[in-house]
Amino acid sequence: MKRLIDLSHVVEHGMITYRGLPAPIICDYLSRADSRKRYAEDTTFQMGKIEMISNTGTYVDAPFHRYEGGKDLSGLPLESLVDLDCLVFHTDKQANGPELFAGADVRAKAVLVHTGWARYWRTDQYFEGHPYLTEAAAVRLRDQGAAFVGIDSLNIDSTATGQRPVHTVLLGADIPICEHMCNLEQLPDSGFRFHAAPVKVKGFGTFPVRAYAVLP
């Protein structure tokens, strides 16, 4: 039997994904109590309402996030998001260069970087000194034909400056990025399939995703 591993954080009312960005507001649009006025006896429904920015929880970045003329979420082909062969790379460094992927064949594969940073999710530590990839690492992944790149950290780039070279390189090559992943320690290094399809929204470059792995 196949085994599924959830790689996404739960989106909760009031949680902070990225310091300085607003938390989601989650509430009822139609409560069960109010629905009793609209439906037959003993028939109730709940309709939820959520107000949030697109960079909430575990999310996928499309090229439009970085480039005005890039593909938005509705323009990403499913082949770039789902049923991908996958490789996991482990690191305990803050800055990670191309040596992390030395000798690996990443062509047409999802590349997930396991840093262990997800253990700090919903704590102040999560926002300080997070692990990231360098521009040279992104160039290697691009040049070697990676299909998708994800990380279980605050940002795939360093946030020490306003530059975002990894986003620039990968999204410039139509390679989607996933940030704020979790549970990567539960995955083997290879031999499984990866899925991370966001809602098909036109005019958006980022949206939360239910990323998961399918293990044989």
Protein backbone atom coordinates (compact mmCIF):
# COMPACT_ATOMS: atom_id res chain seq x y z
CA MET A 1 0.00 0.00 0.00
CA LYS A 2 1.19 3.52 -0.79
CA ARG A 3 1.88 5.93 2.09
CA LEU A 4 1.10 9.65 2.05
CA ILE A 5 3.21 12.23 3.91
CA ASP A 6 1.73 15.71 4.41
CA LEU A 7 4.39 18.38 3.87
CA SER A 8 2.27 21.46 4.66
CA HIS A 9 1.61 23.51 7.78
CA VAL A 10 -1.97 24.04 8.94
CA VAL A 11 -3.36 27.49 8.13
CA GLU A 12 -4.87 28.87 11.35
CA HIS A 13 -6.62 32.08 12.37
CA GLY A 14 -4.14 34.66 13.60
CA MET A 15 -0.94 32.81 12.72
CA ILE A 16 2.08 34.69 11.36
CA THR A 17 3.88 33.10 8.42
CA TYR A 18 6.35 35.89 7.74
CA ARG A 19 7.09 38.69 10.21
CA GLY A 20 5.58 41.99 9.03
CA LEU A 21 2.85 40.37 6.93
CA PRO A 22 -0.72 40.10 8.26
CA ALA A 23 -2.16 36.93 9.73
CA PRO A 24 -5.18 35.24 8.15
CA ILE A 25 -8.63 36.04 9.49
CA ILE A 26 -10.78 32.89 9.46
CA CYS A 27 -14.45 33.03 10.42
CA ASP A 28 -17.96 31.93 9.44
CA TYR A 29 -19.66 33.51 6.47
CA LEU A 30 -22.68 31.35 7.31
CA SER A 31 -22.73 29.72 10.72
CA ARG A 32 -24.60 26.49 11.45
CA ALA A 33 -26.93 28.39 13.74
CA ASP A 34 -27.81 30.90 11.00
CA SER A 35 -28.16 28.16 8.40
CA ARG A 36 -31.09 26.66 10.29
CA LYS A 37 -33.18 29.58 8.98
CA ARG A 38 -32.44 28.62 5.35
CA TYR A 39 -32.70 24.85 5.23
CA ALA A 40 -34.98 22.05 6.28
CA GLU A 41 -35.22 20.96 9.91
CA ASP A 42 -32.08 19.15 11.08
CA THR A 43 -30.20 20.29 7.95
CA THR A 44 -27.33 22.69 8.66
CA PHE A 45 -24.28 23.89 6.77
CA GLN A 46 -21.22 25.98 7.51
CA MET A 47 -19.69 28.33 4.93
CA GLY A 48 -16.31 29.70 5.91
CA LYS A 49 -14.68 33.00 5.08
CA ILE A 50 -10.97 33.71 5.02
CA GLU A 51 -9.10 36.97 4.51
CA MET A 52 -5.40 36.46 3.92
CA ILE A 53 -2.45 37.47 1.82
CA SER A 54 -1.26 34.93 -0.71
CA ASN A 55 1.98 34.27 1.22
CA THR A 56 0.32 32.32 4.02
CA GLY A 57 1.35 28.95 5.42
CA THR A 58 3.08 26.56 3.01
CA TYR A 59 2.84 28.15 -0.43
CA VAL A 60 4.04 27.87 -4.00
CA ASP A 61 5.58 30.78 -5.90
CA ALA A 62 4.93 31.07 -9.63
CA PRO A 63 7.11 33.23 -11.92
CA PHE A 64 4.57 36.09 -11.71
CA HIS A 65 5.52 36.50 -8.04
CA ARG A 66 8.89 37.87 -9.21
CA TYR A 67 8.28 38.88 -12.80
CA GLU A 68 5.44 41.04 -14.09
CA GLY A 69 5.33 39.12 -17.36
CA GLY A 70 5.84 35.70 -15.80
CA LYS A 71 3.34 32.87 -15.58
CA ASP A 72 0.78 33.31 -12.83
CA LEU A 73 -0.75 30.42 -10.89
CA SER A 74 -3.29 29.77 -13.63
CA GLY A 75 -0.49 29.55 -16.17
CA LEU A 76 1.60 26.92 -14.40
CA PRO A 77 1.30 23.55 -16.15
CA LEU A 78 0.29 20.71 -13.86
CA GLU A 79 3.39 18.85 -15.00
CA SER A 80 5.48 21.38 -13.07
CA LEU A 81 3.57 20.81 -9.83
CA VAL A 82 2.33 17.22 -9.49
CA ASP A 83 3.44 13.61 -9.89
CA LEU A 84 7.11 14.59 -9.89
CA ASP A 85 9.98 12.28 -9.14
CA CYS A 86 11.64 13.78 -6.07
CA LEU A 87 15.00 14.07 -4.32
CA VAL A 88 15.58 15.25 -0.74
CA PHE A 89 18.82 16.93 0.36
CA HIS A 90 19.72 17.41 4.02
CA THR A 91 21.70 20.30 5.48
CA ASP A 92 22.48 21.88 8.84
CA LYS A 93 24.11 24.97 7.32
CA GLN A 94 22.63 28.44 7.06
CA ALA A 95 24.03 29.27 3.60
CA ASN A 96 23.88 26.36 1.17
CA GLY A 97 25.74 26.40 -2.13
CA PRO A 98 25.85 24.11 -5.15
CA GLU A 99 27.94 21.55 -3.29
CA LEU A 100 24.75 20.43 -1.55
CA PHE A 101 23.61 18.92 -4.85
CA ALA A 102 27.00 17.62 -6.03
CA GLY A 103 26.74 14.42 -8.05
CA ALA A 104 22.94 14.39 -8.07
CA ASP A 105 20.83 14.11 -11.21
CA VAL A 106 18.08 16.65 -10.57
CA ARG A 107 16.79 16.89 -14.16
CA ALA A 108 12.97 16.95 -14.31
CA LYS A 109 12.78 16.28 -10.57
CA ALA A 110 11.38 18.11 -7.55
CA VAL A 111 14.25 19.09 -5.26
CA LEU A 112 13.37 19.46 -1.56
CA VAL A 113 15.86 20.92 0.92
CA HIS A 114 15.48 19.59 4.45
CA THR A 115 16.98 21.95 7.02
CA GLY A 116 14.94 21.03 10.09
CA TRP A 117 13.87 24.67 10.45
CA ALA A 118 10.19 23.69 10.52
CA ARG A 119 10.67 22.71 14.16
CA TYR A 120 10.62 26.46 14.97
CA TRP A 121 7.28 27.10 13.21
CA ARG A 122 5.06 29.52 15.19
CA THR A 123 7.99 30.63 17.38
CA ASP A 124 10.18 33.76 17.30
CA GLN A 125 13.19 31.63 16.37
CA TYR A 126 11.61 30.85 13.00
CA PHE A 127 12.24 34.42 11.84
CA GLU A 128 15.91 34.64 12.86
CA GLY A 129 18.89 33.14 11.04
CA HIS A 130 16.96 30.77 8.77
CA PRO A 131 18.74 28.42 6.32
CA TYR A 132 18.65 29.33 2.62
CA LEU A 133 20.19 28.60 -0.78
CA THR A 134 22.81 30.75 -2.45
CA GLU A 135 22.55 32.17 -5.94
CA ALA A 136 25.16 29.67 -7.13
CA ALA A 137 23.00 26.80 -5.83
CA ALA A 138 20.00 28.16 -7.72
CA VAL A 139 22.05 28.48 -10.90
CA ARG A 140 23.16 24.86 -10.60
CA LEU A 141 19.59 23.64 -10.11
CA ARG A 142 18.42 25.72 -13.06
CA ASP A 143 21.24 24.61 -15.34
CA GLN A 144 20.78 20.97 -14.35
CA GLY A 145 17.07 21.11 -15.23
CA ALA A 146 15.32 20.85 -11.84
CA ALA A 147 11.52 21.00 -12.21
CA PHE A 148 10.57 22.31 -8.74
CA VAL A 149 12.44 23.44 -5.62
CA GLY A 150 11.16 23.51 -2.04
CA ILE A 151 12.54 24.22 1.43
CA ASP A 152 11.29 23.84 5.02
CA SER A 153 12.44 27.32 6.00
CA LEU A 154 11.29 30.94 6.23
CA ASN A 155 12.64 31.80 2.78
CA ILE A 156 14.63 30.04 0.09
CA ASP A 157 16.71 33.25 -0.11
CA SER A 158 18.68 35.11 2.52
CA THR A 159 16.65 38.05 3.82
CA ALA A 160 19.69 39.99 5.03
CA THR A 161 19.28 42.36 2.06
CA GLY A 162 16.48 43.23 -0.35
CA GLN A 163 17.97 41.02 -3.04
CA ARG A 164 16.35 37.67 -3.79
CA PRO A 165 18.72 35.93 -6.22
CA VAL A 166 17.27 32.42 -5.79
CA HIS A 167 13.76 33.62 -6.60
CA THR A 168 15.20 35.57 -9.51
CA VAL A 169 17.07 32.60 -10.99
CA LEU A 170 14.50 29.86 -10.44
CA LEU A 171 11.32 31.78 -11.23
CA GLY A 172 13.09 33.31 -14.22
CA ALA A 173 13.43 29.75 -15.54
CA ASP A 174 9.77 28.85 -14.79
CA ILE A 175 10.77 26.63 -11.86
CA PRO A 176 8.14 26.89 -9.08
CA ILE A 177 9.31 27.40 -5.51
CA CYS A 178 7.71 26.10 -2.31
CA GLU A 179 8.55 27.64 1.08
CA HIS A 180 7.57 26.87 4.70
CA MET A 181 7.38 23.13 4.16
CA CYS A 182 7.41 20.59 6.99
CA ASN A 183 7.88 16.88 7.74
CA LEU A 184 10.71 16.52 5.24
CA GLU A 185 12.54 14.37 7.80
CA GLN A 186 9.89 11.69 7.19
CA LEU A 187 10.87 11.31 3.54
CA PRO A 188 13.44 8.99 1.96
CA ASP A 189 16.14 10.66 -0.09
CA SER A 190 14.57 9.42 -3.34
CA GLY A 191 12.13 6.93 -4.85
CA PHE A 192 8.80 8.68 -4.30
CA ARG A 193 6.43 11.10 -6.04
CA PHE A 194 5.72 14.69 -5.04
CA HIS A 195 2.60 16.85 -5.47
CA ALA A 196 2.02 20.56 -4.73
CA ALA A 197 -0.77 22.11 -6.82
CA PRO A 198 -2.13 25.47 -5.61
CA VAL A 199 -5.54 26.90 -6.53
CA LYS A 200 -5.66 27.99 -10.18
CA VAL A 201 -5.92 31.76 -9.55
CA LYS A 202 -5.43 34.25 -12.38
CA GLY A 203 -3.31 37.31 -11.53
CA PHE A 204 -1.69 35.69 -8.46
CA GLY A 205 1.94 34.65 -8.17
CA THR A 206 1.69 32.85 -4.83
CA PHE A 207 -0.90 30.75 -3.00
CA PRO A 208 -1.06 28.21 -0.13
CA VAL A 209 -0.72 24.59 -1.14
CA ARG A 210 -1.33 21.13 0.34
CA ALA A 211 2.03 19.65 -0.59
CA TYR A 212 2.45 15.91 -0.06
CA ALA A 213 4.59 12.94 -0.97
CA VAL A 214 3.44 9.52 -2.16
CA LEU A 215 5.74 6.75 -0.94
CA PRO A 216 5.59 3.24 -2.40
